[in-house]
Amino acid sequence: MKHDNPQHIIAICVSNKDYEMSLEVRKAYPVITDPKAETRNYVRLIDETGEDYLFPASRFVLVQVDAAVEDALLAAA
């Protein structure tokens, strides 16, 4: 699975309040590196629509993993 995530960080959703159509709680999402968004406490990721969007970072737990774990988690999601 290839995406713009050189640090192999995934976002685990812990709250989808107000984003029920775009996010599933306890699901792992691929993170797209966006330093500008990070300075504003947002995370860019691929949501349920298959598009990348910004979401409040407080909705997620960010986890750094190796490439094999990232691929396995995202394939299972």
PDB file of N, CA and C in Angstrom:
ATOM      1  N   MET A   1       0.856  -1.172   0.000  1.00  0.00           N
ATOM      2  CA  MET A   1       0.000   0.000   0.000  1.00  0.00           C
ATOM      3  C   MET A   1       0.896   1.228   0.000  1.00  0.00           C
ATOM      4  N   LYS A   2       0.739   2.099  -0.991  1.00  0.00           N
ATOM      5  CA  LYS A   2       1.618   3.254  -1.134  1.00  0.00           C
ATOM      6  C   LYS A   2       0.842   4.535  -0.888  1.00  0.00           C
ATOM      7  N   HIS A   3       1.375   5.404  -0.030  1.00  0.00           N
ATOM      8  CA  HIS A   3       0.797   6.714   0.210  1.00  0.00           C
ATOM      9  C   HIS A   3       1.875   7.618   0.764  1.00  0.00           C
ATOM     10  N   ASP A   4       1.576   8.896   0.884  1.00  0.00           N
ATOM     11  CA  ASP A   4       2.557   9.893   1.322  1.00  0.00           C
ATOM     12  C   ASP A   4       2.696   9.871   2.840  1.00  0.00           C
ATOM     13  N   ASN A   5       3.446   8.899   3.357  1.00  0.00           N
ATOM     14  CA  ASN A   5       3.578   8.754   4.802  1.00  0.00           C
ATOM     15  C   ASN A   5       4.983   8.231   5.117  1.00  0.00           C
ATOM     16  N   PRO A   6       6.024   9.059   4.875  1.00  0.00           N
ATOM     17  CA  PRO A   6       7.387   8.561   5.045  1.00  0.00           C
ATOM     18  C   PRO A   6       7.727   8.162   6.472  1.00  0.00           C
ATOM     19  N   GLN A   7       7.016   8.682   7.472  1.00  0.00           N
ATOM     20  CA  GLN A   7       7.291   8.348   8.863  1.00  0.00           C
ATOM     21  C   GLN A   7       6.450   7.169   9.349  1.00  0.00           C
ATOM     22  N   HIS A   8       5.567   6.649   8.517  1.00  0.00           N
ATOM     23  CA  HIS A   8       4.716   5.515   8.864  1.00  0.00           C
ATOM     24  C   HIS A   8       3.892   5.814  10.125  1.00  0.00           C
ATOM     25  N   ILE A   9       3.113   6.852  10.029  1.00  0.00           N
ATOM     26  CA  ILE A   9       2.219   7.232  11.128  1.00  0.00           C
ATOM     27  C   ILE A   9       0.791   6.936  10.692  1.00  0.00           C
ATOM     28  N   ILE A  10       0.061   6.279  11.568  1.00  0.00           N
ATOM     29  CA  ILE A  10      -1.352   6.033  11.321  1.00  0.00           C
ATOM     30  C   ILE A  10      -2.163   6.774  12.377  1.00  0.00           C
ATOM     31  N   ALA A  11      -3.393   7.071  12.043  1.00  0.00           N
ATOM     32  CA  ALA A  11      -4.298   7.755  12.964  1.00  0.00           C
ATOM     33  C   ALA A  11      -5.409   6.790  13.341  1.00  0.00           C
ATOM     34  N   ILE A  12      -5.563   6.556  14.625  1.00  0.00           N
ATOM     35  CA  ILE A  12      -6.652   5.721  15.118  1.00  0.00           C
ATOM     36  C   ILE A  12      -7.747   6.670  15.609  1.00  0.00           C
ATOM     37  N   CYS A  13      -8.931   6.572  15.035  1.00  0.00           N
ATOM     38  CA  CYS A  13     -10.033   7.458  15.409  1.00  0.00           C
ATOM     39  C   CYS A  13     -10.565   7.082  16.792  1.00  0.00           C
ATOM     40  N   VAL A  14     -10.646   8.074  17.667  1.00  0.00           N
ATOM     41  CA  VAL A  14     -11.197   7.851  19.010  1.00  0.00           C
ATOM     42  C   VAL A  14     -12.510   8.610  19.207  1.00  0.00           C
ATOM     43  N   SER A  15     -12.841   9.493  18.262  1.00  0.00           N
ATOM     44  CA  SER A  15     -14.108  10.228  18.332  1.00  0.00           C
ATOM     45  C   SER A  15     -14.494  10.679  16.929  1.00  0.00           C
ATOM     46  N   ASN A  16     -15.715  10.355  16.527  1.00  0.00           N
ATOM     47  CA  ASN A  16     -16.193  10.812  15.225  1.00  0.00           C
ATOM     48  C   ASN A  16     -17.356  11.804  15.358  1.00  0.00           C
ATOM     49  N   LYS A  17     -17.515  12.385  16.543  1.00  0.00           N
ATOM     50  CA  LYS A  17     -18.595  13.355  16.774  1.00  0.00           C
ATOM     51  C   LYS A  17     -18.525  14.465  15.720  1.00  0.00           C
ATOM     52  N   ASP A  18     -19.628  14.703  15.074  1.00  0.00           N
ATOM     53  CA  ASP A  18     -19.777  15.673  13.996  1.00  0.00           C
ATOM     54  C   ASP A  18     -19.145  15.214  12.677  1.00  0.00           C
ATOM     55  N   TYR A  19     -18.540  14.032  12.649  1.00  0.00           N
ATOM     56  CA  TYR A  19     -17.908  13.501  11.445  1.00  0.00           C
ATOM     57  C   TYR A  19     -18.336  12.053  11.198  1.00  0.00           C
ATOM     58  N   GLU A  20     -19.542  11.694  11.597  1.00  0.00           N
ATOM     59  CA  GLU A  20     -20.009  10.319  11.536  1.00  0.00           C
ATOM     60  C   GLU A  20     -19.973   9.727  10.133  1.00  0.00           C
ATOM     61  N   MET A  21     -20.176  10.530   9.110  1.00  0.00           N
ATOM     62  CA  MET A  21     -20.170  10.038   7.728  1.00  0.00           C
ATOM     63  C   MET A  21     -18.757   9.868   7.186  1.00  0.00           C
ATOM     64  N   SER A  22     -17.787  10.494   7.815  1.00  0.00           N
ATOM     65  CA  SER A  22     -16.419  10.475   7.298  1.00  0.00           C
ATOM     66  C   SER A  22     -15.468   9.598   8.082  1.00  0.00           C
ATOM     67  N   LEU A  23     -15.798   9.314   9.358  1.00  0.00           N
ATOM     68  CA  LEU A  23     -14.870   8.596  10.234  1.00  0.00           C
ATOM     69  C   LEU A  23     -15.578   7.494  11.008  1.00  0.00           C
ATOM     70  N   GLU A  24     -14.843   6.411  11.271  1.00  0.00           N
ATOM     71  CA  GLU A  24     -15.330   5.328  12.114  1.00  0.00           C
ATOM     72  C   GLU A  24     -14.437   5.238  13.351  1.00  0.00           C
ATOM     73  N   VAL A  25     -15.051   5.186  14.525  1.00  0.00           N
ATOM     74  CA  VAL A  25     -14.299   5.054  15.768  1.00  0.00           C
ATOM     75  C   VAL A  25     -13.560   3.717  15.765  1.00  0.00           C
ATOM     76  N   ARG A  26     -12.336   3.727  16.269  1.00  0.00           N
ATOM     77  CA  ARG A  26     -11.434   2.569  16.381  1.00  0.00           C
ATOM     78  C   ARG A  26     -10.855   2.116  15.051  1.00  0.00           C
ATOM     79  N   LYS A  27     -11.047   2.869  13.992  1.00  0.00           N
ATOM     80  CA  LYS A  27     -10.491   2.512  12.694  1.00  0.00           C
ATOM     81  C   LYS A  27      -9.162   3.237  12.487  1.00  0.00           C
ATOM     82  N   ALA A  28      -8.222   2.571  11.821  1.00  0.00           N
ATOM     83  CA  ALA A  28      -6.923   3.159  11.494  1.00  0.00           C
ATOM     84  C   ALA A  28      -7.014   3.831  10.124  1.00  0.00           C
ATOM     85  N   TYR A  29      -6.472   5.041  10.039  1.00  0.00           N
ATOM     86  CA  TYR A  29      -6.478   5.807   8.794  1.00  0.00           C
ATOM     87  C   TYR A  29      -5.061   6.191   8.408  1.00  0.00           C
ATOM     88  N   PRO A  30      -4.760   6.189   7.108  1.00  0.00           N
ATOM     89  CA  PRO A  30      -3.443   6.626   6.663  1.00  0.00           C
ATOM     90  C   PRO A  30      -3.302   8.141   6.805  1.00  0.00           C
ATOM     91  N   VAL A  31      -2.175   8.560   7.336  1.00  0.00           N
ATOM     92  CA  VAL A  31      -1.888   9.978   7.530  1.00  0.00           C
ATOM     93  C   VAL A  31      -1.078  10.490   6.353  1.00  0.00           C
ATOM     94  N   ILE A  32      -1.409  11.679   5.897  1.00  0.00           N
ATOM     95  CA  ILE A  32      -0.632  12.368   4.874  1.00  0.00           C
ATOM     96  C   ILE A  32       0.100  13.507   5.566  1.00  0.00           C
ATOM     97  N   THR A  33       1.402  13.541   5.408  1.00  0.00           N
ATOM     98  CA  THR A  33       2.214  14.566   6.052  1.00  0.00           C
ATOM     99  C   THR A  33       1.778  15.951   5.598  1.00  0.00           C
ATOM    100  N   ASP A  34       1.467  16.820   6.560  1.00  0.00           N
ATOM    101  CA  ASP A  34       1.051  18.198   6.281  1.00  0.00           C
ATOM    102  C   ASP A  34       1.507  19.072   7.442  1.00  0.00           C
ATOM    103  N   PRO A  35       2.764  19.543   7.412  1.00  0.00           N
ATOM    104  CA  PRO A  35       3.302  20.341   8.524  1.00  0.00           C
ATOM    105  C   PRO A  35       2.474  21.576   8.862  1.00  0.00           C
ATOM    106  N   LYS A  36       1.919  22.231   7.861  1.00  0.00           N
ATOM    107  CA  LYS A  36       1.107  23.433   8.117  1.00  0.00           C
ATOM    108  C   LYS A  36      -0.136  23.074   8.935  1.00  0.00           C
ATOM    109  N   ALA A  37      -0.796  21.977   8.582  1.00  0.00           N
ATOM    110  CA  ALA A  37      -1.977  21.534   9.322  1.00  0.00           C
ATOM    111  C   ALA A  37      -1.607  21.157  10.749  1.00  0.00           C
ATOM    112  N   GLU A  38      -0.463  20.487  10.910  1.00  0.00           N
ATOM    113  CA  GLU A  38      -0.029  20.055  12.234  1.00  0.00           C
ATOM    114  C   GLU A  38       0.192  21.232  13.176  1.00  0.00           C
ATOM    115  N   THR A  39       0.673  22.360  12.651  1.00  0.00           N
ATOM    116  CA  THR A  39       0.888  23.534  13.509  1.00  0.00           C
ATOM    117  C   THR A  39      -0.430  24.109  14.002  1.00  0.00           C
ATOM    118  N   ARG A  40      -1.518  23.751  13.336  1.00  0.00           N
ATOM    119  CA  ARG A  40      -2.863  24.221  13.724  1.00  0.00           C
ATOM    120  C   ARG A  40      -3.660  23.139  14.438  1.00  0.00           C
ATOM    121  N   ASN A  41      -2.969  22.063  14.852  1.00  0.00           N
ATOM    122  CA  ASN A  41      -3.592  20.925  15.558  1.00  0.00           C
ATOM    123  C   ASN A  41      -4.624  20.184  14.711  1.00  0.00           C
ATOM    124  N   TYR A  42      -4.301  20.034  13.431  1.00  0.00           N
ATOM    125  CA  TYR A  42      -5.104  19.223  12.527  1.00  0.00           C
ATOM    126  C   TYR A  42      -4.246  18.118  11.962  1.00  0.00           C
ATOM    127  N   VAL A  43      -4.891  17.082  11.466  1.00  0.00           N
ATOM    128  CA  VAL A  43      -4.203  15.980  10.808  1.00  0.00           C
ATOM    129  C   VAL A  43      -4.888  15.760   9.460  1.00  0.00           C
ATOM    130  N   ARG A  44      -4.081  15.529   8.434  1.00  0.00           N
ATOM    131  CA  ARG A  44      -4.626  15.233   7.099  1.00  0.00           C
ATOM    132  C   ARG A  44      -4.575  13.728   6.905  1.00  0.00           C
ATOM    133  N   LEU A  45      -5.720  13.171   6.528  1.00  0.00           N
ATOM    134  CA  LEU A  45      -5.765  11.729   6.313  1.00  0.00           C
ATOM    135  C   LEU A  45      -6.787  11.375   5.258  1.00  0.00           C
ATOM    136  N   ILE A  46      -6.736  10.124   4.838  1.00  0.00           N
ATOM    137  CA  ILE A  46      -7.705   9.601   3.876  1.00  0.00           C
ATOM    138  C   ILE A  46      -8.892   9.072   4.670  1.00  0.00           C
ATOM    139  N   ASP A  47     -10.062   9.664   4.460  1.00  0.00           N
ATOM    140  CA  ASP A  47     -11.236   9.274   5.251  1.00  0.00           C
ATOM    141  C   ASP A  47     -12.072   8.231   4.518  1.00  0.00           C
ATOM    142  N   GLU A  48     -13.290   8.000   4.995  1.00  0.00           N
ATOM    143  CA  GLU A  48     -14.179   6.976   4.444  1.00  0.00           C
ATOM    144  C   GLU A  48     -14.573   7.241   2.991  1.00  0.00           C
ATOM    145  N   THR A  49     -14.478   8.487   2.544  1.00  0.00           N
ATOM    146  CA  THR A  49     -14.827   8.805   1.158  1.00  0.00           C
ATOM    147  C   THR A  49     -13.697   8.471   0.192  1.00  0.00           C
ATOM    148  N   GLY A  50     -12.507   8.169   0.736  1.00  0.00           N
ATOM    149  CA  GLY A  50     -11.354   7.890  -0.111  1.00  0.00           C
ATOM    150  C   GLY A  50     -10.571   9.130  -0.485  1.00  0.00           C
ATOM    151  N   GLU A  51     -10.987  10.270   0.029  1.00  0.00           N
ATOM    152  CA  GLU A  51     -10.305  11.544  -0.242  1.00  0.00           C
ATOM    153  C   GLU A  51      -9.536  11.987   0.989  1.00  0.00           C
ATOM    154  N   ASP A  52      -8.555  12.856   0.781  1.00  0.00           N
ATOM    155  CA  ASP A  52      -7.831  13.376   1.946  1.00  0.00           C
ATOM    156  C   ASP A  52      -8.474  14.671   2.428  1.00  0.00           C
ATOM    157  N   TYR A  53      -8.624  14.752   3.751  1.00  0.00           N
ATOM    158  CA  TYR A  53      -9.234  15.911   4.405  1.00  0.00           C
ATOM    159  C   TYR A  53      -8.504  16.203   5.703  1.00  0.00           C
ATOM    160  N   LEU A  54      -8.701  17.404   6.199  1.00  0.00           N
ATOM    161  CA  LEU A  54      -8.172  17.795   7.498  1.00  0.00           C
ATOM    162  C   LEU A  54      -9.219  17.525   8.568  1.00  0.00           C
ATOM    163  N   PHE A  55      -8.765  16.981   9.694  1.00  0.00           N
ATOM    164  CA  PHE A  55      -9.617  16.750  10.844  1.00  0.00           C
ATOM    165  C   PHE A  55      -8.883  17.228  12.087  1.00  0.00           C
ATOM    166  N   PRO A  56      -9.612  17.623  13.117  1.00  0.00           N
ATOM    167  CA  PRO A  56      -8.956  17.998  14.375  1.00  0.00           C
ATOM    168  C   PRO A  56      -8.141  16.820  14.909  1.00  0.00           C
ATOM    169  N   ALA A  57      -6.896  17.076  15.262  1.00  0.00           N
ATOM    170  CA  ALA A  57      -6.013  16.024  15.764  1.00  0.00           C
ATOM    171  C   ALA A  57      -6.559  15.391  17.040  1.00  0.00           C
ATOM    172  N   SER A  58      -7.374  16.129  17.774  1.00  0.00           N
ATOM    173  CA  SER A  58      -7.932  15.603  19.025  1.00  0.00           C
ATOM    174  C   SER A  58      -8.860  14.417  18.808  1.00  0.00           C
ATOM    175  N   ARG A  59      -9.263  14.158  17.574  1.00  0.00           N
ATOM    176  CA  ARG A  59     -10.147  13.029  17.253  1.00  0.00           C
ATOM    177  C   ARG A  59      -9.379  11.716  17.105  1.00  0.00           C
ATOM    178  N   PHE A  60      -8.038  11.783  17.180  1.00  0.00           N
ATOM    179  CA  PHE A  60      -7.208  10.629  16.849  1.00  0.00           C
ATOM    180  C   PHE A  60      -6.095  10.418  17.856  1.00  0.00           C
ATOM    181  N   VAL A  61      -5.635   9.187  17.899  1.00  0.00           N
ATOM    182  CA  VAL A  61      -4.366   8.849  18.538  1.00  0.00           C
ATOM    183  C   VAL A  61      -3.434   8.536  17.376  1.00  0.00           C
ATOM    184  N   LEU A  62      -2.316   9.252  17.294  1.00  0.00           N
ATOM    185  CA  LEU A  62      -1.350   9.023  16.232  1.00  0.00           C
ATOM    186  C   LEU A  62      -0.307   8.036  16.731  1.00  0.00           C
ATOM    187  N   VAL A  63      -0.037   7.037  15.897  1.00  0.00           N
ATOM    188  CA  VAL A  63       0.878   5.969  16.279  1.00  0.00           C
ATOM    189  C   VAL A  63       1.924   5.806  15.178  1.00  0.00           C
ATOM    190  N   GLN A  64       3.198   5.826  15.579  1.00  0.00           N
ATOM    191  CA  GLN A  64       4.267   5.567  14.620  1.00  0.00           C
ATOM    192  C   GLN A  64       4.547   4.067  14.606  1.00  0.00           C
ATOM    193  N   VAL A  65       4.538   3.481  13.425  1.00  0.00           N
ATOM    194  CA  VAL A  65       4.736   2.045  13.262  1.00  0.00           C
ATOM    195  C   VAL A  65       5.708   1.804  12.114  1.00  0.00           C
ATOM    196  N   ASP A  66       6.208   0.572  12.007  1.00  0.00           N
ATOM    197  CA  ASP A  66       7.056   0.291  10.846  1.00  0.00           C
ATOM    198  C   ASP A  66       6.149   0.038   9.636  1.00  0.00           C
ATOM    199  N   ALA A  67       6.743   0.004   8.457  1.00  0.00           N
ATOM    200  CA  ALA A  67       5.975  -0.076   7.214  1.00  0.00           C
ATOM    201  C   ALA A  67       5.100  -1.328   7.142  1.00  0.00           C
ATOM    202  N   ALA A  68       5.594  -2.460   7.602  1.00  0.00           N
ATOM    203  CA  ALA A  68       4.812  -3.696   7.535  1.00  0.00           C
ATOM    204  C   ALA A  68       3.579  -3.630   8.420  1.00  0.00           C
ATOM    205  N   VAL A  69       3.720  -3.060   9.613  1.00  0.00           N
ATOM    206  CA  VAL A  69       2.576  -2.913  10.524  1.00  0.00           C
ATOM    207  C   VAL A  69       1.562  -1.936   9.927  1.00  0.00           C
ATOM    208  N   GLU A  70       2.055  -0.840   9.377  1.00  0.00           N
ATOM    209  CA  GLU A  70       1.164   0.143   8.753  1.00  0.00           C
ATOM    210  C   GLU A  70       0.345  -0.519   7.660  1.00  0.00           C
ATOM    211  N   ASP A  71       1.002  -1.248   6.773  1.00  0.00           N
ATOM    212  CA  ASP A  71       0.290  -1.910   5.677  1.00  0.00           C
ATOM    213  C   ASP A  71      -0.740  -2.904   6.189  1.00  0.00           C
ATOM    214  N   ALA A  72      -0.387  -3.678   7.209  1.00  0.00           N
ATOM    215  CA  ALA A  72      -1.303  -4.671   7.765  1.00  0.00           C
ATOM    216  C   ALA A  72      -2.520  -4.009   8.397  1.00  0.00           C
ATOM    217  N   LEU A  73      -2.297  -2.954   9.183  1.00  0.00           N
ATOM    218  CA  LEU A  73      -3.410  -2.264   9.838  1.00  0.00           C
ATOM    219  C   LEU A  73      -4.346  -1.625   8.821  1.00  0.00           C
ATOM    220  N   LEU A  74      -3.786  -0.970   7.825  1.00  0.00           N
ATOM    221  CA  LEU A  74      -4.622  -0.288   6.847  1.00  0.00           C
ATOM    222  C   LEU A  74      -5.341  -1.281   5.930  1.00  0.00           C
ATOM    223  N   ALA A  75      -4.741  -2.414   5.666  1.00  0.00           N
ATOM    224  CA  ALA A  75      -5.397  -3.440   4.854  1.00  0.00           C
ATOM    225  C   ALA A  75      -6.578  -4.038   5.624  1.00  0.00           C
ATOM    226  N   ALA A  76      -6.433  -4.183   6.930  1.00  0.00           N
ATOM    227  CA  ALA A  76      -7.497  -4.744   7.758  1.00  0.00           C
ATOM    228  C   ALA A  76      -8.634  -3.752   7.952  1.00  0.00           C
ATOM    229  N   ALA A  77      -8.322  -2.476   7.868  1.00  0.00           N
ATOM    230  CA  ALA A  77      -9.339  -1.442   8.067  1.00  0.00           C
ATOM    231  C   ALA A  77     -10.146  -1.313   6.817  1.00  0.00           C
TER     232      ALA A  77
END
